[in-house]
PDB file of N, CA and C in Angstrom:
ATOM      1  N   MET A   1       0.774  -1.199  -0.115  1.00  0.00           N
ATOM      2  CA  MET A   1       0.028   0.065  -0.039  1.00  0.00           C
ATOM      3  C   MET A   1       0.842   1.384   0.011  1.00  0.00           C
ATOM      4  N   ASP A   2       0.687   2.077  -0.961  1.00  0.00           N
ATOM      5  CA  ASP A   2       1.407   3.310  -1.145  1.00  0.00           C
ATOM      6  C   ASP A   2       0.828   4.298  -0.115  1.00  0.00           C
ATOM      7  N   ILE A   3       1.588   5.046   0.479  1.00  0.00           N
ATOM      8  CA  ILE A   3       1.036   6.124   1.517  1.00  0.00           C
ATOM      9  C   ILE A   3       1.395   7.497   0.887  1.00  0.00           C
ATOM     10  N   ASN A   4       0.435   8.346   0.988  1.00  0.00           N
ATOM     11  CA  ASN A   4       0.457   9.724   0.481  1.00  0.00           C
ATOM     12  C   ASN A   4       1.158  10.586   1.654  1.00  0.00           C
ATOM     13  N   TYR A   5       2.411  10.970   1.601  1.00  0.00           N
ATOM     14  CA  TYR A   5       3.069  11.684   2.456  1.00  0.00           C
ATOM     15  C   TYR A   5       2.796  13.274   2.450  1.00  0.00           C
ATOM     16  N   THR A   6       2.099  13.721   1.418  1.00  0.00           N
ATOM     17  CA  THR A   6       1.934  15.155   1.177  1.00  0.00           C
ATOM     18  C   THR A   6       1.227  15.931   2.402  1.00  0.00           C
ATOM     19  N   LYS A   7       0.382  15.070   3.183  1.00  0.00           N
ATOM     20  CA  LYS A   7      -0.192  15.875   4.259  1.00  0.00           C
ATOM     21  C   LYS A   7       0.854  16.113   5.499  1.00  0.00           C
ATOM     22  N   TYR A   8       2.077  15.373   5.336  1.00  0.00           N
ATOM     23  CA  TYR A   8       2.994  15.684   6.406  1.00  0.00           C
ATOM     24  C   TYR A   8       4.140  16.602   6.028  1.00  0.00           C
ATOM     25  N   LEU A   9       4.389  16.704   4.589  1.00  0.00           N
ATOM     26  CA  LEU A   9       5.417  17.360   3.985  1.00  0.00           C
ATOM     27  C   LEU A   9       5.071  18.663   3.327  1.00  0.00           C
ATOM     28  N   PRO A  10       5.907  19.616   3.353  1.00  0.00           N
ATOM     29  CA  PRO A  10       7.419  19.569   3.925  1.00  0.00           C
ATOM     30  C   PRO A  10       7.392  19.708   5.434  1.00  0.00           C
ATOM     31  N   LEU A  11       8.451  19.190   6.124  1.00  0.00           N
ATOM     32  CA  LEU A  11       8.495  19.248   7.493  1.00  0.00           C
ATOM     33  C   LEU A  11       9.094  20.743   7.774  1.00  0.00           C
ATOM     34  N   SER A  12       8.712  21.311   8.861  1.00  0.00           N
ATOM     35  CA  SER A  12       9.514  22.373   9.228  1.00  0.00           C
ATOM     36  C   SER A  12      10.948  21.970   9.690  1.00  0.00           C
ATOM     37  N   GLU A  13      11.847  22.987   9.789  1.00  0.00           N
ATOM     38  CA  GLU A  13      13.138  22.606  10.123  1.00  0.00           C
ATOM     39  C   GLU A  13      13.133  22.010  11.547  1.00  0.00           C
ATOM     40  N   ALA A  14      12.331  22.610  12.642  1.00  0.00           N
ATOM     41  CA  ALA A  14      12.255  22.109  13.846  1.00  0.00           C
ATOM     42  C   ALA A  14      11.772  20.637  13.936  1.00  0.00           C
ATOM     43  N   THR A  15      10.708  20.535  13.110  1.00  0.00           N
ATOM     44  CA  THR A  15      10.015  19.095  13.111  1.00  0.00           C
ATOM     45  C   THR A  15      10.959  17.982  12.453  1.00  0.00           C
ATOM     46  N   TYR A  16      11.663  18.461  11.549  1.00  0.00           N
ATOM     47  CA  TYR A  16      12.623  17.452  10.925  1.00  0.00           C
ATOM     48  C   TYR A  16      13.661  17.247  11.906  1.00  0.00           C
ATOM     49  N   TYR A  17      14.230  18.111  12.710  1.00  0.00           N
ATOM     50  CA  TYR A  17      15.174  17.730  13.682  1.00  0.00           C
ATOM     51  C   TYR A  17      14.652  16.919  14.828  1.00  0.00           C
ATOM     52  N   VAL A  18      13.420  17.218  15.139  1.00  0.00           N
ATOM     53  CA  VAL A  18      12.773  16.354  16.276  1.00  0.00           C
ATOM     54  C   VAL A  18      12.719  14.919  15.782  1.00  0.00           C
ATOM     55  N   LEU A  19      12.272  14.621  14.460  1.00  0.00           N
ATOM     56  CA  LEU A  19      12.049  13.360  14.144  1.00  0.00           C
ATOM     57  C   LEU A  19      13.558  12.796  13.933  1.00  0.00           C
ATOM     58  N   ALA A  20      14.284  13.411  13.353  1.00  0.00           N
ATOM     59  CA  ALA A  20      15.772  12.929  13.283  1.00  0.00           C
ATOM     60  C   ALA A  20      16.402  12.533  14.544  1.00  0.00           C
ATOM     61  N   ALA A  21      16.137  13.187  15.730  1.00  0.00           N
ATOM     62  CA  ALA A  21      16.734  13.141  16.875  1.00  0.00           C
ATOM     63  C   ALA A  21      16.159  11.937  17.525  1.00  0.00           C
ATOM     64  N   LEU A  22      14.860  11.685  17.199  1.00  0.00           N
ATOM     65  CA  LEU A  22      14.305  10.353  17.824  1.00  0.00           C
ATOM     66  C   LEU A  22      14.469   9.011  17.111  1.00  0.00           C
ATOM     67  N   GLN A  23      15.795   9.003  16.619  1.00  0.00           N
ATOM     68  CA  GLN A  23      16.251   7.768  16.184  1.00  0.00           C
ATOM     69  C   GLN A  23      16.446   6.744  17.243  1.00  0.00           C
ATOM     70  N   GLU A  24      16.585   7.251  18.314  1.00  0.00           N
ATOM     71  CA  GLU A  24      16.577   6.654  19.784  1.00  0.00           C
ATOM     72  C   GLU A  24      15.565   7.330  20.623  1.00  0.00           C
ATOM     73  N   PRO A  25      14.917   6.486  21.499  1.00  0.00           N
ATOM     74  CA  PRO A  25      13.929   7.166  22.320  1.00  0.00           C
ATOM     75  C   PRO A  25      14.597   8.192  23.244  1.00  0.00           C
ATOM     76  N   LEU A  26      13.809   9.351  23.429  1.00  0.00           N
ATOM     77  CA  LEU A  26      14.369  10.517  24.277  1.00  0.00           C
ATOM     78  C   LEU A  26      13.435  11.130  25.039  1.00  0.00           C
ATOM     79  N   HIS A  27      13.786  11.680  26.219  1.00  0.00           N
ATOM     80  CA  HIS A  27      12.838  12.660  26.825  1.00  0.00           C
ATOM     81  C   HIS A  27      13.102  14.042  26.397  1.00  0.00           C
ATOM     82  N   GLY A  28      11.998  14.943  26.702  1.00  0.00           N
ATOM     83  CA  GLY A  28      12.183  16.332  26.197  1.00  0.00           C
ATOM     84  C   GLY A  28      13.340  17.076  26.200  1.00  0.00           C
ATOM     85  N   TYR A  29      14.211  17.089  27.635  1.00  0.00           N
ATOM     86  CA  TYR A  29      15.298  17.990  27.755  1.00  0.00           C
ATOM     87  C   TYR A  29      16.402  17.443  26.912  1.00  0.00           C
ATOM     88  N   ALA A  30      16.587  15.952  26.917  1.00  0.00           N
ATOM     89  CA  ALA A  30      17.635  15.308  26.135  1.00  0.00           C
ATOM     90  C   ALA A  30      17.478  15.533  24.615  1.00  0.00           C
ATOM     91  N   LEU A  31      16.226  15.604  24.173  1.00  0.00           N
ATOM     92  CA  LEU A  31      15.836  15.976  22.872  1.00  0.00           C
ATOM     93  C   LEU A  31      16.282  17.381  22.427  1.00  0.00           C
ATOM     94  N   MET A  32      15.996  18.252  23.254  1.00  0.00           N
ATOM     95  CA  MET A  32      16.337  19.682  23.170  1.00  0.00           C
ATOM     96  C   MET A  32      17.857  19.759  22.892  1.00  0.00           C
ATOM     97  N   GLN A  33      18.512  19.192  23.751  1.00  0.00           N
ATOM     98  CA  GLN A  33      19.874  19.256  23.722  1.00  0.00           C
ATOM     99  C   GLN A  33      20.416  18.564  22.250  1.00  0.00           C
ATOM    100  N   LYS A  34      19.909  17.479  21.878  1.00  0.00           N
ATOM    101  CA  LYS A  34      20.281  16.674  20.822  1.00  0.00           C
ATOM    102  C   LYS A  34      20.145  17.510  19.527  1.00  0.00           C
ATOM    103  N   VAL A  35      18.912  18.078  19.440  1.00  0.00           N
ATOM    104  CA  VAL A  35      18.496  19.037  18.285  1.00  0.00           C
ATOM    105  C   VAL A  35      19.503  20.122  18.079  1.00  0.00           C
ATOM    106  N   GLU A  36      19.712  20.694  19.174  1.00  0.00           N
ATOM    107  CA  GLU A  36      20.802  21.900  19.166  1.00  0.00           C
ATOM    108  C   GLU A  36      21.974  21.403  18.655  1.00  0.00           C
ATOM    109  N   ALA A  37      22.585  20.365  19.175  1.00  0.00           N
ATOM    110  CA  ALA A  37      23.821  19.743  18.675  1.00  0.00           C
ATOM    111  C   ALA A  37      23.872  19.374  17.190  1.00  0.00           C
ATOM    112  N   MET A  38      22.745  18.533  16.878  1.00  0.00           N
ATOM    113  CA  MET A  38      22.837  18.121  15.401  1.00  0.00           C
ATOM    114  C   MET A  38      22.625  19.215  14.470  1.00  0.00           C
ATOM    115  N   SER A  39      22.062  20.281  14.770  1.00  0.00           N
ATOM    116  CA  SER A  39      21.829  21.347  13.878  1.00  0.00           C
ATOM    117  C   SER A  39      22.893  22.491  14.049  1.00  0.00           C
ATOM    118  N   GLU A  40      24.006  22.021  14.855  1.00  0.00           N
ATOM    119  CA  GLU A  40      25.153  22.848  14.920  1.00  0.00           C
ATOM    120  C   GLU A  40      24.733  24.308  15.626  1.00  0.00           C
ATOM    121  N   GLY A  41      23.756  24.201  16.309  1.00  0.00           N
ATOM    122  CA  GLY A  41      23.262  25.513  17.138  1.00  0.00           C
ATOM    123  C   GLY A  41      22.359  26.353  16.213  1.00  0.00           C
ATOM    124  N   HIS A  42      22.002  25.871  15.234  1.00  0.00           N
ATOM    125  CA  HIS A  42      20.923  26.735  14.376  1.00  0.00           C
ATOM    126  C   HIS A  42      19.482  26.454  14.648  1.00  0.00           C
ATOM    127  N   VAL A  43      19.235  25.386  15.342  1.00  0.00           N
ATOM    128  CA  VAL A  43      17.908  25.184  15.784  1.00  0.00           C
ATOM    129  C   VAL A  43      17.702  24.987  17.281  1.00  0.00           C
ATOM    130  N   VAL A  44      17.228  25.826  17.939  1.00  0.00           N
ATOM    131  CA  VAL A  44      17.176  25.810  19.420  1.00  0.00           C
ATOM    132  C   VAL A  44      15.607  25.781  19.673  1.00  0.00           C
ATOM    133  N   ILE A  45      15.118  24.552  20.494  1.00  0.00           N
ATOM    134  CA  ILE A  45      13.769  24.356  20.564  1.00  0.00           C
ATOM    135  C   ILE A  45      13.422  24.549  22.185  1.00  0.00           C
ATOM    136  N   GLY A  46      12.692  25.419  22.480  1.00  0.00           N
ATOM    137  CA  GLY A  46      12.210  25.702  23.699  1.00  0.00           C
ATOM    138  C   GLY A  46      11.292  24.679  24.312  1.00  0.00           C
ATOM    139  N   PRO A  47      11.150  24.593  25.614  1.00  0.00           N
ATOM    140  CA  PRO A  47      10.105  23.641  26.128  1.00  0.00           C
ATOM    141  C   PRO A  47       8.664  23.712  25.573  1.00  0.00           C
ATOM    142  N   GLY A  48       8.088  24.899  25.585  1.00  0.00           N
ATOM    143  CA  GLY A  48       6.747  25.018  25.015  1.00  0.00           C
ATOM    144  C   GLY A  48       6.543  24.538  23.662  1.00  0.00           C
ATOM    145  N   THR A  49       7.615  24.906  22.803  1.00  0.00           N
ATOM    146  CA  THR A  49       7.534  24.506  21.429  1.00  0.00           C
ATOM    147  C   THR A  49       7.624  23.053  21.213  1.00  0.00           C
ATOM    148  N   LEU A  50       8.509  22.522  21.991  1.00  0.00           N
ATOM    149  CA  LEU A  50       8.774  21.007  22.082  1.00  0.00           C
ATOM    150  C   LEU A  50       7.475  20.254  22.605  1.00  0.00           C
ATOM    151  N   TYR A  51       6.893  20.756  23.533  1.00  0.00           N
ATOM    152  CA  TYR A  51       5.749  19.852  24.044  1.00  0.00           C
ATOM    153  C   TYR A  51       4.482  19.884  23.096  1.00  0.00           C
ATOM    154  N   GLY A  52       4.458  21.155  22.459  1.00  0.00           N
ATOM    155  CA  GLY A  52       3.437  21.438  21.373  1.00  0.00           C
ATOM    156  C   GLY A  52       3.769  20.447  20.190  1.00  0.00           C
ATOM    157  N   ALA A  53       5.048  20.430  19.825  1.00  0.00           N
ATOM    158  CA  ALA A  53       5.482  19.583  18.735  1.00  0.00           C
ATOM    159  C   ALA A  53       5.187  18.116  19.027  1.00  0.00           C
ATOM    160  N   PHE A  54       5.539  17.622  20.297  1.00  0.00           N
ATOM    161  CA  PHE A  54       5.223  16.219  20.699  1.00  0.00           C
ATOM    162  C   PHE A  54       3.848  15.885  20.673  1.00  0.00           C
ATOM    163  N   SER A  55       2.949  16.869  21.074  1.00  0.00           N
ATOM    164  CA  SER A  55       1.551  16.633  21.066  1.00  0.00           C
ATOM    165  C   SER A  55       1.010  16.355  19.619  1.00  0.00           C
ATOM    166  N   ALA A  56       1.427  17.320  18.698  1.00  0.00           N
ATOM    167  CA  ALA A  56       1.032  17.278  17.293  1.00  0.00           C
ATOM    168  C   ALA A  56       1.560  16.008  16.581  1.00  0.00           C
ATOM    169  N   LEU A  57       2.708  15.783  16.799  1.00  0.00           N
ATOM    170  CA  LEU A  57       3.334  14.578  16.263  1.00  0.00           C
ATOM    171  C   LEU A  57       2.978  13.291  16.709  1.00  0.00           C
ATOM    172  N   GLU A  58       2.464  13.232  18.013  1.00  0.00           N
ATOM    173  CA  GLU A  58       1.813  12.061  18.504  1.00  0.00           C
ATOM    174  C   GLU A  58       0.399  11.863  17.935  1.00  0.00           C
ATOM    175  N   LYS A  59      -0.208  12.938  17.671  1.00  0.00           N
ATOM    176  CA  LYS A  59      -1.578  12.774  17.015  1.00  0.00           C
ATOM    177  C   LYS A  59      -1.542  12.452  15.555  1.00  0.00           C
ATOM    178  N   GLN A  60      -0.538  12.745  14.923  1.00  0.00           N
ATOM    179  CA  GLN A  60      -0.311  12.341  13.508  1.00  0.00           C
ATOM    180  C   GLN A  60       0.263  10.952  13.384  1.00  0.00           C
ATOM    181  N   GLY A  61       0.586  10.465  14.582  1.00  0.00           N
ATOM    182  CA  GLY A  61       1.091   9.057  14.529  1.00  0.00           C
ATOM    183  C   GLY A  61       2.525   9.093  13.964  1.00  0.00           C
ATOM    184  N   LEU A  62       3.474   9.982  14.183  1.00  0.00           N
ATOM    185  CA  LEU A  62       4.659  10.115  13.686  1.00  0.00           C
ATOM    186  C   LEU A  62       5.648   9.648  14.904  1.00  0.00           C
ATOM    187  N   ILE A  63       5.283   9.863  16.149  1.00  0.00           N
ATOM    188  CA  ILE A  63       5.889   9.601  17.226  1.00  0.00           C
ATOM    189  C   ILE A  63       5.032   8.947  18.311  1.00  0.00           C
ATOM    190  N   GLU A  64       5.464   8.290  19.255  1.00  0.00           N
ATOM    191  CA  GLU A  64       4.787   7.762  20.348  1.00  0.00           C
ATOM    192  C   GLU A  64       5.433   7.745  21.641  1.00  0.00           C
ATOM    193  N   LYS A  65       4.781   7.859  22.842  1.00  0.00           N
ATOM    194  CA  LYS A  65       5.407   7.625  23.980  1.00  0.00           C
ATOM    195  C   LYS A  65       5.668   6.275  24.255  1.00  0.00           C
ATOM    196  N   VAL A  66       7.038   5.909  24.696  1.00  0.00           N
ATOM    197  CA  VAL A  66       7.371   4.614  24.856  1.00  0.00           C
ATOM    198  C   VAL A  66       7.442   4.330  26.280  1.00  0.00           C
ATOM    199  N   SER A  67       7.724   5.303  27.175  1.00  0.00           N
ATOM    200  CA  SER A  67       7.837   5.084  28.520  1.00  0.00           C
ATOM    201  C   SER A  67       7.744   6.315  29.388  1.00  0.00           C
ATOM    202  N   GLU A  68       7.628   6.111  30.603  1.00  0.00           N
ATOM    203  CA  GLU A  68       7.739   7.324  31.417  1.00  0.00           C
ATOM    204  C   GLU A  68       8.378   6.960  32.691  1.00  0.00           C
ATOM    205  N   VAL A  69       9.401   7.737  33.012  1.00  0.00           N
ATOM    206  CA  VAL A  69      10.375   7.556  34.068  1.00  0.00           C
ATOM    207  C   VAL A  69      10.388   8.843  34.883  1.00  0.00           C
ATOM    208  N   GLU A  70      10.196   8.646  36.200  1.00  0.00           N
ATOM    209  CA  GLU A  70      10.045   9.817  37.108  1.00  0.00           C
ATOM    210  C   GLU A  70       9.588  11.046  36.551  1.00  0.00           C
ATOM    211  N   ARG A  71       8.244  10.905  35.900  1.00  0.00           N
ATOM    212  CA  ARG A  71       7.492  12.135  35.368  1.00  0.00           C
ATOM    213  C   ARG A  71       8.186  12.572  34.015  1.00  0.00           C
ATOM    214  N   ARG A  72       9.350  11.791  33.634  1.00  0.00           N
ATOM    215  CA  ARG A  72       9.876  12.152  32.165  1.00  0.00           C
ATOM    216  C   ARG A  72       9.218  11.333  31.147  1.00  0.00           C
ATOM    217  N   LYS A  73       8.491  11.945  30.150  1.00  0.00           N
ATOM    218  CA  LYS A  73       7.784  11.135  29.140  1.00  0.00           C
ATOM    219  C   LYS A  73       9.017  10.859  28.148  1.00  0.00           C
ATOM    220  N   ILE A  74       9.042   9.663  27.713  1.00  0.00           N
ATOM    221  CA  ILE A  74      10.083   9.270  26.890  1.00  0.00           C
ATOM    222  C   ILE A  74       9.418   9.044  25.354  1.00  0.00           C
ATOM    223  N   TYR A  75       9.826   9.549  24.273  1.00  0.00           N
ATOM    224  CA  TYR A  75       9.194   9.356  22.972  1.00  0.00           C
ATOM    225  C   TYR A  75      10.178   8.724  22.124  1.00  0.00           C
ATOM    226  N   GLY A  76       9.504   8.098  21.127  1.00  0.00           N
ATOM    227  CA  GLY A  76      10.324   7.391  20.049  1.00  0.00           C
ATOM    228  C   GLY A  76       9.549   7.535  18.790  1.00  0.00           C
ATOM    229  N   LEU A  77      10.219   7.391  17.616  1.00  0.00           N
ATOM    230  CA  LEU A  77       9.742   7.375  16.292  1.00  0.00           C
ATOM    231  C   LEU A  77       8.898   6.256  15.982  1.00  0.00           C
ATOM    232  N   THR A  78       7.679   6.377  15.385  1.00  0.00           N
ATOM    233  CA  THR A  78       7.014   5.225  14.862  1.00  0.00           C
ATOM    234  C   THR A  78       7.449   4.811  13.556  1.00  0.00           C
ATOM    235  N   GLY A  79       6.951   3.825  12.905  1.00  0.00           N
ATOM    236  CA  GLY A  79       7.197   3.316  11.475  1.00  0.00           C
ATOM    237  C   GLY A  79       6.909   4.353  10.577  1.00  0.00           C
ATOM    238  N   MET A  80       5.774   5.035  10.738  1.00  0.00           N
ATOM    239  CA  MET A  80       5.134   6.090   9.912  1.00  0.00           C
ATOM    240  C   MET A  80       6.254   7.266  10.040  1.00  0.00           C
ATOM    241  N   GLY A  81       6.508   7.630  11.211  1.00  0.00           N
ATOM    242  CA  GLY A  81       7.486   8.763  11.443  1.00  0.00           C
ATOM    243  C   GLY A  81       8.824   8.392  10.699  1.00  0.00           C
ATOM    244  N   ARG A  82       9.280   7.287  10.710  1.00  0.00           N
ATOM    245  CA  ARG A  82      10.607   7.027  10.030  1.00  0.00           C
ATOM    246  C   ARG A  82      10.384   7.003   8.505  1.00  0.00           C
ATOM    247  N   GLN A  83       9.154   6.730   7.988  1.00  0.00           N
ATOM    248  CA  GLN A  83       8.971   6.776   6.467  1.00  0.00           C
ATOM    249  C   GLN A  83       8.756   8.255   6.048  1.00  0.00           C
ATOM    250  N   VAL A  84       8.075   9.057   6.953  1.00  0.00           N
ATOM    251  CA  VAL A  84       8.024  10.536   6.691  1.00  0.00           C
ATOM    252  C   VAL A  84       9.365  11.120   6.651  1.00  0.00           C
ATOM    253  N   LEU A  85      10.229  10.833   7.676  1.00  0.00           N
ATOM    254  CA  LEU A  85      11.558  11.359   7.730  1.00  0.00           C
ATOM    255  C   LEU A  85      12.372  11.022   6.450  1.00  0.00           C
ATOM    256  N   ALA A  86      12.320   9.784   6.101  1.00  0.00           N
ATOM    257  CA  ALA A  86      12.982   9.234   4.913  1.00  0.00           C
ATOM    258  C   ALA A  86      12.585  10.069   3.686  1.00  0.00           C
ATOM    259  N   GLU A  87      11.186  10.354   3.574  1.00  0.00           N
ATOM    260  CA  GLU A  87      10.699  10.946   2.293  1.00  0.00           C
ATOM    261  C   GLU A  87      11.164  12.388   2.380  1.00  0.00           C
ATOM    262  N   GLN A  88      11.329  13.164   3.625  1.00  0.00           N
ATOM    263  CA  GLN A  88      11.822  14.335   3.716  1.00  0.00           C
ATOM    264  C   GLN A  88      13.189  14.398   3.158  1.00  0.00           C
ATOM    265  N   VAL A  89      14.092  13.367   3.800  1.00  0.00           N
ATOM    266  CA  VAL A  89      15.538  13.463   3.456  1.00  0.00           C
ATOM    267  C   VAL A  89      15.779  13.295   1.828  1.00  0.00           C
ATOM    268  N   ARG A  90      14.719  12.397   1.374  1.00  0.00           N
ATOM    269  CA  ARG A  90      14.808  12.215  -0.174  1.00  0.00           C
ATOM    270  C   ARG A  90      14.687  13.536  -0.821  1.00  0.00           C
ATOM    271  N   ARG A  91      13.551  14.317  -0.437  1.00  0.00           N
ATOM    272  CA  ARG A  91      13.359  15.646  -1.024  1.00  0.00           C
ATOM    273  C   ARG A  91      14.404  16.599  -0.846  1.00  0.00           C
ATOM    274  N   LEU A  92      14.985  16.625   0.291  1.00  0.00           N
ATOM    275  CA  LEU A  92      16.132  17.545   0.599  1.00  0.00           C
ATOM    276  C   LEU A  92      17.412  17.197  -0.215  1.00  0.00           C
ATOM    277  N   ALA A  93      17.567  16.022  -0.515  1.00  0.00           N
ATOM    278  CA  ALA A  93      18.778  15.479  -1.346  1.00  0.00           C
ATOM    279  C   ALA A  93      18.530  16.003  -2.725  1.00  0.00           C
ATOM    280  N   ILE A  94      17.324  16.015  -3.201  1.00  0.00           N
ATOM    281  CA  ILE A  94      17.026  16.459  -4.561  1.00  0.00           C
ATOM    282  C   ILE A  94      17.287  18.090  -4.546  1.00  0.00           C
ATOM    283  N   MET A  95      16.838  18.688  -3.427  1.00  0.00           N
ATOM    284  CA  MET A  95      17.027  20.115  -3.423  1.00  0.00           C
ATOM    285  C   MET A  95      18.731  20.530  -3.468  1.00  0.00           C
ATOM    286  N   VAL A  96      19.338  19.785  -2.607  1.00  0.00           N
ATOM    287  CA  VAL A  96      20.738  19.954  -2.478  1.00  0.00           C
ATOM    288  C   VAL A  96      21.458  19.809  -3.897  1.00  0.00           C
ATOM    289  N   ARG A  97      21.235  18.645  -4.492  1.00  0.00           N
ATOM    290  CA  ARG A  97      21.798  18.466  -5.755  1.00  0.00           C
ATOM    291  C   ARG A  97      21.440  19.581  -6.763  1.00  0.00           C
ATOM    292  N   ASN A  98      20.314  20.041  -6.880  1.00  0.00           N
ATOM    293  CA  ASN A  98      19.888  21.074  -7.753  1.00  0.00           C
ATOM    294  C   ASN A  98      20.571  22.298  -7.387  1.00  0.00           C
ATOM    295  N   GLY A  99      20.691  22.600  -5.985  1.00  0.00           N
ATOM    296  CA  GLY A  99      21.284  23.852  -5.600  1.00  0.00           C
ATOM    297  C   GLY A  99      22.870  23.803  -5.871  1.00  0.00           C
ATOM    298  N   GLN A 100      23.437  22.711  -5.669  1.00  0.00           N
ATOM    299  CA  GLN A 100      24.936  22.645  -5.887  1.00  0.00           C
ATOM    300  C   GLN A 100      25.227  22.708  -7.472  1.00  0.00           C
ATOM    301  N   PHE A 101      24.152  22.170  -8.309  1.00  0.00           N
ATOM    302  CA  PHE A 101      24.296  22.236  -9.755  1.00  0.00           C
ATOM    303  C   PHE A 101      24.246  23.698 -10.082  1.00  0.00           C
ATOM    304  N   ALA A 102      23.176  24.430  -9.646  1.00  0.00           N
ATOM    305  CA  ALA A 102      22.943  25.752 -10.053  1.00  0.00           C
ATOM    306  C   ALA A 102      24.223  26.612  -9.635  1.00  0.00           C
ATOM    307  N   LEU A 103      24.743  26.373  -8.466  1.00  0.00           N
ATOM    308  CA  LEU A 103      25.878  27.311  -7.987  1.00  0.00           C
ATOM    309  C   LEU A 103      27.207  26.787  -8.804  1.00  0.00           C
ATOM    310  N   SER A 104      27.185  25.780  -9.215  1.00  0.00           N
ATOM    311  CA  SER A 104      28.478  25.298 -10.022  1.00  0.00           C
ATOM    312  C   SER A 104      28.426  25.944 -11.276  1.00  0.00           C
ATOM    313  N   HIS A 105      27.400  26.352 -11.800  1.00  0.00           N
ATOM    314  CA  HIS A 105      27.200  26.947 -13.113  1.00  0.00           C
ATOM    315  C   HIS A 105      27.025  28.386 -13.170  1.00  0.00           C
ATOM    316  N   VAL A 106      27.485  29.108 -12.051  1.00  0.00           N
ATOM    317  CA  VAL A 106      27.362  30.548 -11.960  1.00  0.00           C
ATOM    318  C   VAL A 106      28.701  31.132 -12.579  1.00  0.00           C
ATOM    319  N   LYS A 107      28.712  31.993 -13.609  1.00  0.00           N
ATOM    320  CA  LYS A 107      29.737  32.485 -14.303  1.00  0.00           C
ATOM    321  C   LYS A 107      30.549  33.349 -13.349  1.00  0.00           C
ATOM    322  N   GLU A 108      31.918  33.255 -13.385  1.00  0.00           N
ATOM    323  CA  GLU A 108      32.853  34.296 -12.676  1.00  0.00           C
ATOM    324  C   GLU A 108      32.378  35.733 -13.032  1.00  0.00           C
ATOM    325  N   GLY A 109      32.338  36.424 -11.841  1.00  0.00           N
ATOM    326  CA  GLY A 109      31.989  37.820 -12.080  1.00  0.00           C
ATOM    327  C   GLY A 109      30.573  38.036 -11.731  1.00  0.00           C
ATOM    328  N   GLU A 110      29.709  37.039 -11.762  1.00  0.00           N
ATOM    329  CA  GLU A 110      28.318  37.109 -11.414  1.00  0.00           C
ATOM    330  C   GLU A 110      28.137  37.103  -9.908  1.00  0.00           C
ATOM    331  N   ALA A 111      27.144  37.763  -9.335  1.00  0.00           N
ATOM    332  CA  ALA A 111      26.848  37.491  -7.899  1.00  0.00           C
ATOM    333  C   ALA A 111      26.438  36.050  -7.633  1.00  0.00           C
ATOM    334  N   ALA A 112      27.057  35.529  -6.500  1.00  0.00           N
ATOM    335  CA  ALA A 112      26.587  34.067  -6.245  1.00  0.00           C
ATOM    336  C   ALA A 112      25.417  34.077  -5.286  1.00  0.00           C
TER     337      ALA A 112
END
């Protein structure tokens, strides 16, 4: 069965990093730190934004609560979440290829 991912894509940068960071189950604070590290400091997610994202992504079936330890909810990527992330990565790879091609064909003396 083919799944139509268009209702999930494109992912926002923050959502992309949340899904990518959840390759292993994490609680919120650890996820915030991992996203900041993965994005080399370009994406910083605050607690309010993160818990809103957790709620939305859980309702969409892209992540799920896998456990709760001392009031810390630990979330992981679902199979659907992994597929949506893979489709976003595929789309980004096409964009990068096209961008690199366009930039490699800028003539000297032209604004890049």
